[in-house]
N, C-alpha and C. Protein backbone atom coordinates (compact mmCIF):
# COMPACT_ATOMS: atom_id res chain seq x y z
N UNK A 1 29.72 85.86 119.82
CA UNK A 1 29.91 85.18 118.56
C UNK A 1 28.72 84.28 118.24
N UNK A 2 28.17 83.62 119.26
CA UNK A 2 27.02 82.73 119.03
C UNK A 2 25.84 83.50 118.46
N UNK A 3 25.60 84.70 118.96
CA UNK A 3 24.49 85.50 118.46
C UNK A 3 24.75 85.93 117.01
N UNK A 4 26.00 86.17 116.68
CA UNK A 4 26.35 86.54 115.31
C UNK A 4 26.05 85.38 114.36
N UNK A 5 26.37 84.16 114.79
CA UNK A 5 26.09 82.98 113.97
C UNK A 5 24.59 82.82 113.78
N UNK A 6 23.84 82.98 114.85
CA UNK A 6 22.38 82.89 114.75
C UNK A 6 21.86 83.96 113.79
N UNK A 7 22.43 85.16 113.90
CA UNK A 7 22.04 86.24 112.99
C UNK A 7 22.34 85.89 111.54
N UNK A 8 23.48 85.25 111.30
CA UNK A 8 23.83 84.84 109.93
C UNK A 8 22.87 83.78 109.41
N UNK A 9 22.49 82.84 110.27
CA UNK A 9 21.53 81.81 109.85
C UNK A 9 20.19 82.45 109.52
N UNK A 10 19.75 83.37 110.34
CA UNK A 10 18.49 84.07 110.07
C UNK A 10 18.61 84.86 108.77
N UNK A 11 19.73 85.55 108.59
CA UNK A 11 19.94 86.33 107.37
C UNK A 11 19.91 85.43 106.13
N UNK A 12 20.51 84.24 106.23
CA UNK A 12 20.49 83.29 105.11
C UNK A 12 19.05 83.02 104.68
N UNK A 13 18.19 82.66 105.64
CA UNK A 13 16.81 82.32 105.31
C UNK A 13 15.99 83.54 104.92
N UNK A 14 16.31 84.71 105.46
CA UNK A 14 15.63 85.94 105.03
C UNK A 14 15.94 86.20 103.56
N UNK A 15 17.21 86.06 103.16
CA UNK A 15 17.57 86.26 101.76
C UNK A 15 16.92 85.20 100.87
N UNK A 16 16.87 83.96 101.32
CA UNK A 16 16.22 82.91 100.52
C UNK A 16 14.74 83.22 100.35
N UNK A 17 14.05 83.51 101.45
CA UNK A 17 12.62 83.80 101.36
C UNK A 17 12.34 85.07 100.57
N UNK A 18 13.17 86.10 100.75
CA UNK A 18 12.99 87.33 99.97
C UNK A 18 13.22 87.07 98.48
N UNK A 19 14.22 86.26 98.17
CA UNK A 19 14.50 85.93 96.78
C UNK A 19 13.36 85.15 96.14
N UNK A 20 12.84 84.17 96.86
CA UNK A 20 11.74 83.35 96.32
C UNK A 20 10.45 84.15 96.24
N UNK A 21 10.22 85.00 97.23
CA UNK A 21 9.03 85.85 97.20
C UNK A 21 9.11 86.82 96.02
N UNK A 22 10.27 87.40 95.80
CA UNK A 22 10.45 88.30 94.66
C UNK A 22 10.23 87.56 93.35
N UNK A 23 10.75 86.36 93.26
CA UNK A 23 10.66 85.58 92.03
C UNK A 23 9.24 85.14 91.72
N UNK A 24 8.54 84.58 92.71
CA UNK A 24 7.25 83.94 92.44
C UNK A 24 6.03 84.77 92.78
N UNK A 25 6.09 85.58 93.81
CA UNK A 25 4.91 86.34 94.21
C UNK A 25 4.93 87.73 93.56
N UNK A 26 6.07 88.40 93.60
CA UNK A 26 6.18 89.74 93.03
C UNK A 26 6.53 89.71 91.55
N UNK A 27 6.87 88.55 91.03
CA UNK A 27 7.23 88.34 89.62
C UNK A 27 8.42 89.20 89.19
N UNK A 28 9.38 89.37 90.11
CA UNK A 28 10.60 90.14 89.84
C UNK A 28 11.77 89.15 89.83
N UNK A 29 11.91 88.45 88.71
CA UNK A 29 12.88 87.36 88.63
C UNK A 29 14.32 87.82 88.83
N UNK A 30 14.69 88.95 88.29
CA UNK A 30 16.07 89.42 88.43
C UNK A 30 16.39 89.77 89.88
N UNK A 31 15.49 90.47 90.55
CA UNK A 31 15.70 90.79 91.96
C UNK A 31 15.78 89.50 92.78
N UNK A 32 14.91 88.54 92.48
CA UNK A 32 14.94 87.27 93.18
C UNK A 32 16.28 86.57 93.01
N UNK A 33 16.81 86.58 91.79
CA UNK A 33 18.11 85.95 91.53
C UNK A 33 19.22 86.65 92.30
N UNK A 34 19.20 87.98 92.32
CA UNK A 34 20.23 88.73 93.04
C UNK A 34 20.18 88.39 94.53
N UNK A 35 18.98 88.35 95.09
CA UNK A 35 18.85 88.04 96.53
C UNK A 35 19.34 86.62 96.83
N UNK A 36 19.03 85.68 95.97
CA UNK A 36 19.49 84.30 96.18
C UNK A 36 21.01 84.19 96.03
N UNK A 37 21.57 84.94 95.11
CA UNK A 37 23.03 84.90 94.94
C UNK A 37 23.77 85.59 96.08
N UNK A 38 23.06 86.37 96.88
CA UNK A 38 23.70 87.03 98.03
C UNK A 38 23.91 86.08 99.21
N UNK A 39 23.25 84.94 99.21
CA UNK A 39 23.37 84.05 100.37
C UNK A 39 24.80 83.61 100.66
N UNK A 40 25.66 83.34 99.66
CA UNK A 40 27.04 82.97 100.00
C UNK A 40 27.83 84.10 100.68
N UNK A 41 27.44 85.34 100.45
CA UNK A 41 28.12 86.45 101.10
C UNK A 41 27.99 86.38 102.62
N UNK A 42 26.88 85.85 103.07
CA UNK A 42 26.67 85.70 104.52
C UNK A 42 27.73 84.76 105.09
N UNK A 43 28.05 83.70 104.37
CA UNK A 43 29.09 82.77 104.81
C UNK A 43 30.45 83.46 104.92
N UNK A 44 30.76 84.30 103.94
CA UNK A 44 32.04 85.00 103.96
C UNK A 44 32.13 85.95 105.16
N UNK A 45 31.05 86.64 105.45
CA UNK A 45 31.02 87.54 106.61
C UNK A 45 31.22 86.74 107.89
N UNK A 46 30.57 85.59 107.98
CA UNK A 46 30.66 84.76 109.18
C UNK A 46 32.08 84.25 109.42
N UNK A 47 32.72 83.72 108.40
CA UNK A 47 34.08 83.18 108.62
C UNK A 47 35.05 84.33 108.89
N UNK A 48 34.86 85.46 108.23
CA UNK A 48 35.74 86.61 108.49
C UNK A 48 35.61 87.07 109.94
N UNK A 49 34.39 87.13 110.45
CA UNK A 49 34.17 87.54 111.84
C UNK A 49 34.82 86.56 112.82
N UNK A 50 34.73 85.27 112.52
CA UNK A 50 35.34 84.25 113.39
C UNK A 50 36.86 84.40 113.41
N UNK A 51 37.44 84.58 112.25
CA UNK A 51 38.90 84.71 112.17
C UNK A 51 39.36 85.99 112.87
N UNK A 52 38.66 87.08 112.64
CA UNK A 52 39.02 88.35 113.30
C UNK A 52 38.93 88.21 114.81
N UNK A 53 37.88 87.54 115.28
CA UNK A 53 37.72 87.34 116.72
C UNK A 53 38.90 86.56 117.30
N UNK A 54 39.31 85.50 116.63
CA UNK A 54 40.45 84.70 117.10
C UNK A 54 41.76 85.48 117.00
N UNK A 55 41.94 86.22 115.92
CA UNK A 55 43.16 87.01 115.76
C UNK A 55 43.27 88.11 116.81
N UNK A 56 42.13 88.56 117.32
CA UNK A 56 42.11 89.60 118.35
C UNK A 56 42.28 89.04 119.75
N UNK A 57 42.64 87.75 119.86
CA UNK A 57 42.98 87.18 121.15
C UNK A 57 41.90 86.34 121.82
N UNK A 58 40.78 86.15 121.17
CA UNK A 58 39.72 85.34 121.78
C UNK A 58 40.17 83.89 121.89
N UNK A 59 39.72 83.23 122.94
CA UNK A 59 39.92 81.78 123.05
C UNK A 59 38.76 81.12 122.31
N UNK A 60 39.10 80.18 121.44
CA UNK A 60 38.07 79.51 120.65
C UNK A 60 37.09 78.80 121.56
N UNK A 61 35.81 78.95 121.24
CA UNK A 61 34.78 78.20 121.93
C UNK A 61 33.92 77.52 120.86
N UNK A 62 32.85 76.89 121.31
CA UNK A 62 32.06 76.13 120.34
C UNK A 62 31.44 77.03 119.27
N UNK A 63 31.23 78.31 119.56
CA UNK A 63 30.66 79.19 118.54
C UNK A 63 31.60 79.32 117.34
N UNK A 64 32.91 79.31 117.58
CA UNK A 64 33.86 79.35 116.46
C UNK A 64 33.78 78.05 115.66
N UNK A 65 33.67 76.94 116.36
CA UNK A 65 33.50 75.65 115.68
C UNK A 65 32.20 75.64 114.89
N UNK A 66 31.15 76.17 115.50
CA UNK A 66 29.85 76.20 114.85
C UNK A 66 29.89 77.04 113.58
N UNK A 67 30.67 78.10 113.57
CA UNK A 67 30.81 78.91 112.36
C UNK A 67 31.39 78.07 111.22
N UNK A 68 32.42 77.28 111.50
CA UNK A 68 33.03 76.43 110.47
C UNK A 68 32.05 75.34 110.02
N UNK A 69 31.33 74.75 110.98
CA UNK A 69 30.33 73.72 110.64
C UNK A 69 29.26 74.34 109.76
N UNK A 70 28.76 75.49 110.16
CA UNK A 70 27.70 76.17 109.42
C UNK A 70 28.14 76.43 107.97
N UNK A 71 29.35 76.91 107.80
CA UNK A 71 29.83 77.21 106.46
C UNK A 71 29.98 75.93 105.64
N UNK A 72 30.52 74.88 106.23
CA UNK A 72 30.63 73.61 105.52
C UNK A 72 29.27 73.09 105.08
N UNK A 73 28.32 73.14 105.98
CA UNK A 73 26.96 72.67 105.66
C UNK A 73 26.32 73.57 104.61
N UNK A 74 26.51 74.86 104.76
CA UNK A 74 25.92 75.81 103.82
C UNK A 74 26.47 75.62 102.41
N UNK A 75 27.77 75.39 102.29
CA UNK A 75 28.35 75.18 100.96
C UNK A 75 27.89 73.83 100.40
N UNK A 76 27.91 72.79 101.21
CA UNK A 76 27.56 71.45 100.73
C UNK A 76 26.07 71.32 100.41
N UNK A 77 25.22 71.83 101.28
CA UNK A 77 23.78 71.65 101.11
C UNK A 77 23.04 72.90 100.69
N UNK A 78 23.70 74.05 100.66
CA UNK A 78 23.02 75.31 100.38
C UNK A 78 22.22 75.30 99.09
N UNK A 79 22.84 74.85 98.01
CA UNK A 79 22.14 74.83 96.73
C UNK A 79 20.91 73.92 96.79
N UNK A 80 21.06 72.77 97.43
CA UNK A 80 19.93 71.84 97.55
C UNK A 80 18.82 72.41 98.42
N UNK A 81 19.20 73.10 99.51
CA UNK A 81 18.18 73.71 100.37
C UNK A 81 17.40 74.77 99.60
N UNK A 82 18.11 75.58 98.82
CA UNK A 82 17.44 76.62 98.05
C UNK A 82 16.59 75.98 96.95
N UNK A 83 17.09 74.95 96.28
CA UNK A 83 16.31 74.25 95.25
C UNK A 83 15.06 73.61 95.85
N UNK A 84 15.19 73.05 97.06
CA UNK A 84 14.05 72.45 97.76
C UNK A 84 12.98 73.51 98.01
N UNK A 85 13.40 74.66 98.55
CA UNK A 85 12.45 75.74 98.82
C UNK A 85 11.88 76.31 97.52
N UNK A 86 12.72 76.43 96.50
CA UNK A 86 12.29 76.95 95.21
C UNK A 86 11.19 76.08 94.60
N UNK A 87 11.38 74.77 94.64
CA UNK A 87 10.37 73.85 94.08
C UNK A 87 9.05 73.99 94.80
N UNK A 88 9.08 74.16 96.11
CA UNK A 88 7.85 74.30 96.87
C UNK A 88 7.18 75.65 96.62
N UNK A 89 7.97 76.71 96.49
CA UNK A 89 7.41 78.02 96.16
C UNK A 89 6.79 77.97 94.77
N UNK A 90 7.49 77.38 93.80
CA UNK A 90 6.97 77.28 92.43
C UNK A 90 5.65 76.51 92.42
N UNK A 91 5.56 75.44 93.16
CA UNK A 91 4.34 74.64 93.23
C UNK A 91 3.21 75.44 93.88
N UNK A 92 3.51 76.10 94.97
CA UNK A 92 2.47 76.79 95.74
C UNK A 92 2.01 78.09 95.09
N UNK A 93 2.96 78.86 94.52
CA UNK A 93 2.62 80.20 94.06
C UNK A 93 2.67 80.41 92.55
N UNK A 94 3.26 79.48 91.81
CA UNK A 94 3.43 79.70 90.37
C UNK A 94 2.89 78.56 89.52
N UNK A 95 2.11 77.67 90.10
CA UNK A 95 1.53 76.58 89.32
C UNK A 95 2.54 75.56 88.84
N UNK A 96 3.68 75.49 89.48
CA UNK A 96 4.71 74.53 89.10
C UNK A 96 4.30 73.11 89.47
N UNK A 97 5.08 72.14 89.00
CA UNK A 97 4.75 70.75 89.31
C UNK A 97 4.96 70.45 90.80
N UNK A 98 4.24 69.44 91.27
CA UNK A 98 4.38 69.00 92.65
C UNK A 98 5.80 68.49 92.84
N UNK A 99 6.50 68.97 93.88
CA UNK A 99 7.87 68.49 94.12
C UNK A 99 7.86 66.99 94.41
N UNK A 100 8.84 66.28 93.90
CA UNK A 100 8.88 64.83 94.15
C UNK A 100 9.19 64.54 95.62
N UNK A 101 8.60 63.47 96.12
CA UNK A 101 8.89 63.03 97.49
C UNK A 101 10.23 62.30 97.49
N UNK A 102 10.89 62.30 98.63
CA UNK A 102 12.14 61.55 98.70
C UNK A 102 11.81 60.06 98.63
N UNK A 103 12.70 59.28 98.05
CA UNK A 103 12.42 57.85 97.93
C UNK A 103 12.37 57.18 99.30
N UNK A 104 11.47 56.21 99.41
CA UNK A 104 11.30 55.53 100.70
C UNK A 104 11.90 54.13 100.73
N UNK A 105 12.02 53.50 99.55
CA UNK A 105 12.40 52.10 99.53
C UNK A 105 13.43 51.80 98.45
N UNK A 106 14.04 50.64 98.61
CA UNK A 106 14.89 50.05 97.58
C UNK A 106 16.17 50.80 97.27
N UNK A 107 16.65 50.54 96.06
CA UNK A 107 17.92 51.11 95.61
C UNK A 107 17.86 52.63 95.54
N UNK A 108 16.69 53.17 95.20
CA UNK A 108 16.55 54.63 95.13
C UNK A 108 16.81 55.25 96.50
N UNK A 109 16.29 54.63 97.55
CA UNK A 109 16.53 55.13 98.91
C UNK A 109 18.01 55.01 99.27
N UNK A 110 18.62 53.91 98.87
CA UNK A 110 20.05 53.72 99.12
C UNK A 110 20.88 54.81 98.46
N UNK A 111 20.57 55.13 97.19
CA UNK A 111 21.28 56.21 96.50
C UNK A 111 21.04 57.55 97.18
N UNK A 112 19.82 57.78 97.61
CA UNK A 112 19.48 59.03 98.30
C UNK A 112 20.30 59.17 99.59
N UNK A 113 20.36 58.10 100.37
CA UNK A 113 21.12 58.14 101.63
C UNK A 113 22.62 58.29 101.37
N UNK A 114 23.13 57.59 100.36
CA UNK A 114 24.55 57.66 100.04
C UNK A 114 24.91 59.07 99.55
N UNK A 115 24.05 59.67 98.73
CA UNK A 115 24.27 61.04 98.28
C UNK A 115 24.29 61.99 99.48
N UNK A 116 23.38 61.78 100.42
CA UNK A 116 23.37 62.59 101.64
C UNK A 116 24.67 62.46 102.41
N UNK A 117 25.20 61.25 102.48
CA UNK A 117 26.47 61.07 103.18
C UNK A 117 27.62 61.76 102.44
N UNK A 118 27.62 61.67 101.11
CA UNK A 118 28.67 62.35 100.34
C UNK A 118 28.63 63.87 100.57
N UNK A 119 27.42 64.42 100.67
CA UNK A 119 27.30 65.84 100.98
C UNK A 119 27.79 66.13 102.40
N UNK A 120 27.50 65.21 103.32
CA UNK A 120 28.01 65.36 104.69
C UNK A 120 29.53 65.34 104.68
N UNK A 121 30.11 64.44 103.90
CA UNK A 121 31.57 64.36 103.79
C UNK A 121 32.14 65.65 103.21
N UNK A 122 31.46 66.22 102.22
CA UNK A 122 31.90 67.50 101.65
C UNK A 122 31.83 68.60 102.71
N UNK A 123 30.71 68.66 103.44
CA UNK A 123 30.58 69.66 104.51
C UNK A 123 31.67 69.48 105.56
N UNK A 124 31.94 68.24 105.91
CA UNK A 124 32.99 67.91 106.87
C UNK A 124 34.35 68.38 106.37
N UNK A 125 34.64 68.09 105.12
CA UNK A 125 35.94 68.47 104.55
C UNK A 125 36.13 69.99 104.56
N UNK A 126 35.11 70.71 104.17
CA UNK A 126 35.18 72.17 104.17
C UNK A 126 35.30 72.69 105.60
N UNK A 127 34.42 72.20 106.48
CA UNK A 127 34.43 72.66 107.87
C UNK A 127 35.74 72.36 108.58
N UNK A 128 36.26 71.16 108.39
CA UNK A 128 37.53 70.79 109.04
C UNK A 128 38.67 71.61 108.45
N UNK A 129 38.63 71.86 107.16
CA UNK A 129 39.64 72.73 106.56
C UNK A 129 39.62 74.12 107.19
N UNK A 130 38.43 74.65 107.41
CA UNK A 130 38.31 75.95 108.06
C UNK A 130 38.79 75.89 109.51
N UNK A 131 38.44 74.80 110.21
CA UNK A 131 38.88 74.66 111.61
C UNK A 131 40.40 74.62 111.69
N UNK A 132 41.04 73.83 110.81
CA UNK A 132 42.50 73.77 110.81
C UNK A 132 43.09 75.13 110.43
N UNK A 133 42.42 75.83 109.52
CA UNK A 133 42.87 77.17 109.17
C UNK A 133 42.80 78.12 110.36
N UNK A 134 41.72 78.04 111.13
CA UNK A 134 41.59 78.88 112.32
C UNK A 134 42.67 78.53 113.36
N UNK A 135 42.94 77.23 113.48
CA UNK A 135 43.99 76.80 114.41
C UNK A 135 45.33 77.37 113.98
N UNK A 136 45.63 77.28 112.69
CA UNK A 136 46.91 77.79 112.18
C UNK A 136 47.01 79.30 112.33
N UNK A 137 45.94 80.00 112.03
CA UNK A 137 45.95 81.47 112.13
C UNK A 137 46.11 81.92 113.57
N UNK A 138 45.45 81.20 114.48
CA UNK A 138 45.56 81.56 115.90
C UNK A 138 46.96 81.28 116.41
N UNK A 139 47.52 80.14 116.03
CA UNK A 139 48.89 79.82 116.40
C UNK A 139 49.11 79.57 117.88
N UNK A 140 48.06 79.23 118.61
CA UNK A 140 48.18 79.00 120.05
C UNK A 140 47.30 77.82 120.43
N UNK A 141 47.92 76.67 120.64
CA UNK A 141 47.17 75.44 120.94
C UNK A 141 46.33 75.57 122.20
N UNK A 142 46.75 76.38 123.13
CA UNK A 142 45.99 76.55 124.38
C UNK A 142 44.66 77.25 124.13
N UNK A 143 44.57 78.04 123.07
CA UNK A 143 43.34 78.77 122.76
C UNK A 143 42.46 78.08 121.73
N UNK A 144 42.93 76.96 121.17
CA UNK A 144 42.17 76.31 120.09
C UNK A 144 41.79 74.87 120.38
N UNK A 145 41.86 74.46 121.63
CA UNK A 145 41.51 73.08 122.00
C UNK A 145 40.09 72.70 121.61
N UNK A 146 39.17 73.63 121.73
CA UNK A 146 37.77 73.36 121.37
C UNK A 146 37.66 73.03 119.89
N UNK A 147 38.45 73.69 119.06
CA UNK A 147 38.40 73.42 117.62
C UNK A 147 38.89 72.00 117.33
N UNK A 148 39.95 71.58 118.02
CA UNK A 148 40.45 70.20 117.87
C UNK A 148 39.39 69.20 118.33
N UNK A 149 38.73 69.49 119.45
CA UNK A 149 37.69 68.61 119.95
C UNK A 149 36.55 68.47 118.94
N UNK A 150 36.19 69.57 118.30
CA UNK A 150 35.12 69.55 117.30
C UNK A 150 35.51 68.64 116.13
N UNK A 151 36.76 68.72 115.70
CA UNK A 151 37.23 67.87 114.60
C UNK A 151 37.10 66.39 114.99
N UNK A 152 37.50 66.05 116.21
CA UNK A 152 37.40 64.65 116.66
C UNK A 152 35.95 64.17 116.70
N UNK A 153 35.07 64.96 117.29
CA UNK A 153 33.66 64.55 117.42
C UNK A 153 33.01 64.46 116.05
N UNK A 154 33.26 65.45 115.20
CA UNK A 154 32.66 65.45 113.87
C UNK A 154 33.16 64.27 113.04
N UNK A 155 34.41 63.87 113.23
CA UNK A 155 34.95 62.69 112.54
C UNK A 155 34.17 61.44 112.91
N UNK A 156 33.86 61.29 114.18
CA UNK A 156 33.07 60.15 114.64
C UNK A 156 31.67 60.19 114.03
N UNK A 157 31.06 61.37 114.01
CA UNK A 157 29.71 61.51 113.46
C UNK A 157 29.69 61.17 111.98
N UNK A 158 30.69 61.62 111.22
CA UNK A 158 30.75 61.29 109.79
C UNK A 158 30.91 59.78 109.61
N UNK A 159 31.70 59.14 110.46
CA UNK A 159 31.86 57.68 110.39
C UNK A 159 30.55 56.95 110.66
N UNK A 160 29.84 57.38 111.68
CA UNK A 160 28.54 56.76 112.00
C UNK A 160 27.57 56.96 110.85
N UNK A 161 27.54 58.17 110.29
CA UNK A 161 26.66 58.46 109.16
C UNK A 161 27.01 57.57 107.97
N UNK A 162 28.29 57.30 107.75
CA UNK A 162 28.70 56.43 106.65
C UNK A 162 28.14 55.02 106.84
N UNK A 163 28.26 54.50 108.06
CA UNK A 163 27.76 53.15 108.34
C UNK A 163 26.25 53.09 108.10
N UNK A 164 25.53 54.09 108.58
CA UNK A 164 24.07 54.11 108.40
C UNK A 164 23.73 54.21 106.92
N UNK A 165 24.41 55.08 106.19
CA UNK A 165 24.13 55.24 104.76
C UNK A 165 24.43 53.98 103.97
N UNK A 166 25.55 53.33 104.29
CA UNK A 166 25.89 52.09 103.61
C UNK A 166 24.87 51.00 103.91
N UNK A 167 24.30 51.03 105.12
CA UNK A 167 23.32 50.00 105.47
C UNK A 167 22.09 50.06 104.55
N UNK A 168 21.74 51.24 104.07
CA UNK A 168 20.60 51.35 103.14
C UNK A 168 20.91 50.74 101.79
N UNK A 169 22.21 50.65 101.46
CA UNK A 169 22.61 50.04 100.20
C UNK A 169 22.71 48.52 100.37
N UNK A 170 23.30 48.09 101.48
CA UNK A 170 23.47 46.66 101.71
C UNK A 170 22.13 45.98 102.01
N UNK A 171 21.32 46.62 102.85
CA UNK A 171 20.02 46.08 103.23
C UNK A 171 18.94 47.10 102.87
N UNK A 172 18.56 47.20 101.59
CA UNK A 172 17.58 48.20 101.20
C UNK A 172 16.24 47.99 101.91
N UNK A 173 15.67 49.08 102.33
CA UNK A 173 14.38 49.04 103.00
C UNK A 173 13.31 48.66 101.97
N UNK A 174 12.48 47.70 102.34
CA UNK A 174 11.44 47.22 101.44
C UNK A 174 10.07 47.72 101.91
N UNK A 175 9.19 47.95 100.96
CA UNK A 175 7.82 48.34 101.29
C UNK A 175 7.14 47.18 102.01
N UNK A 176 6.22 47.51 102.90
CA UNK A 176 5.50 46.45 103.61
C UNK A 176 4.75 45.59 102.61
N UNK A 177 4.81 44.29 102.82
CA UNK A 177 4.13 43.35 101.95
C UNK A 177 4.95 42.89 100.77
N UNK A 178 6.16 43.44 100.58
CA UNK A 178 7.02 42.98 99.49
C UNK A 178 8.01 41.98 100.05
N UNK A 179 8.46 41.09 99.20
CA UNK A 179 9.38 40.05 99.60
C UNK A 179 10.74 40.37 99.00
N UNK A 180 11.77 40.25 99.82
CA UNK A 180 13.13 40.46 99.36
C UNK A 180 13.52 39.28 98.49
N UNK A 181 14.07 39.55 97.28
CA UNK A 181 14.45 38.49 96.34
C UNK A 181 15.54 37.59 96.86
N UNK A 182 16.35 38.09 97.81
CA UNK A 182 17.48 37.31 98.32
C UNK A 182 17.03 36.25 99.33
N UNK A 183 15.80 36.32 99.78
CA UNK A 183 15.36 35.38 100.82
C UNK A 183 14.82 34.12 100.21
């Protein structure tokens, strides 16, 4: 199962790169769009394979958890990852504008970090929903303990990420040599 997940991750990026290459280098915009729209199909294949594996009697291991995490992250961040790559391809190969850098300081950085946490929360919600779905479909607590453990650990990670993200809003990072108005 772990190799299948790795294969799906590779397939995701192959479709992204093929789509962007078709769009910007080969100037085949329709083919590029079709290839980019195929990336969600990889997620469907991955979750179907995980569920089939569990339904066929497999004991859940971290690879099953990783499949749910991967899908949550892919749904939450997939569009942004593709847009990020698209902007860089457009800049490099099509004379597009230079992609903006992520904000480094102040309220803009706080909003950036908070948005990242909200996307993490979305990925978590989707992934945990899939994990609970796998647990329900399997119907055997003895075979799904790893999935429960993943939910517990990921919950802690999301909480830590929230604290870190909120810290950028409460105590915005200032550029060197600037004075905080509150001091």
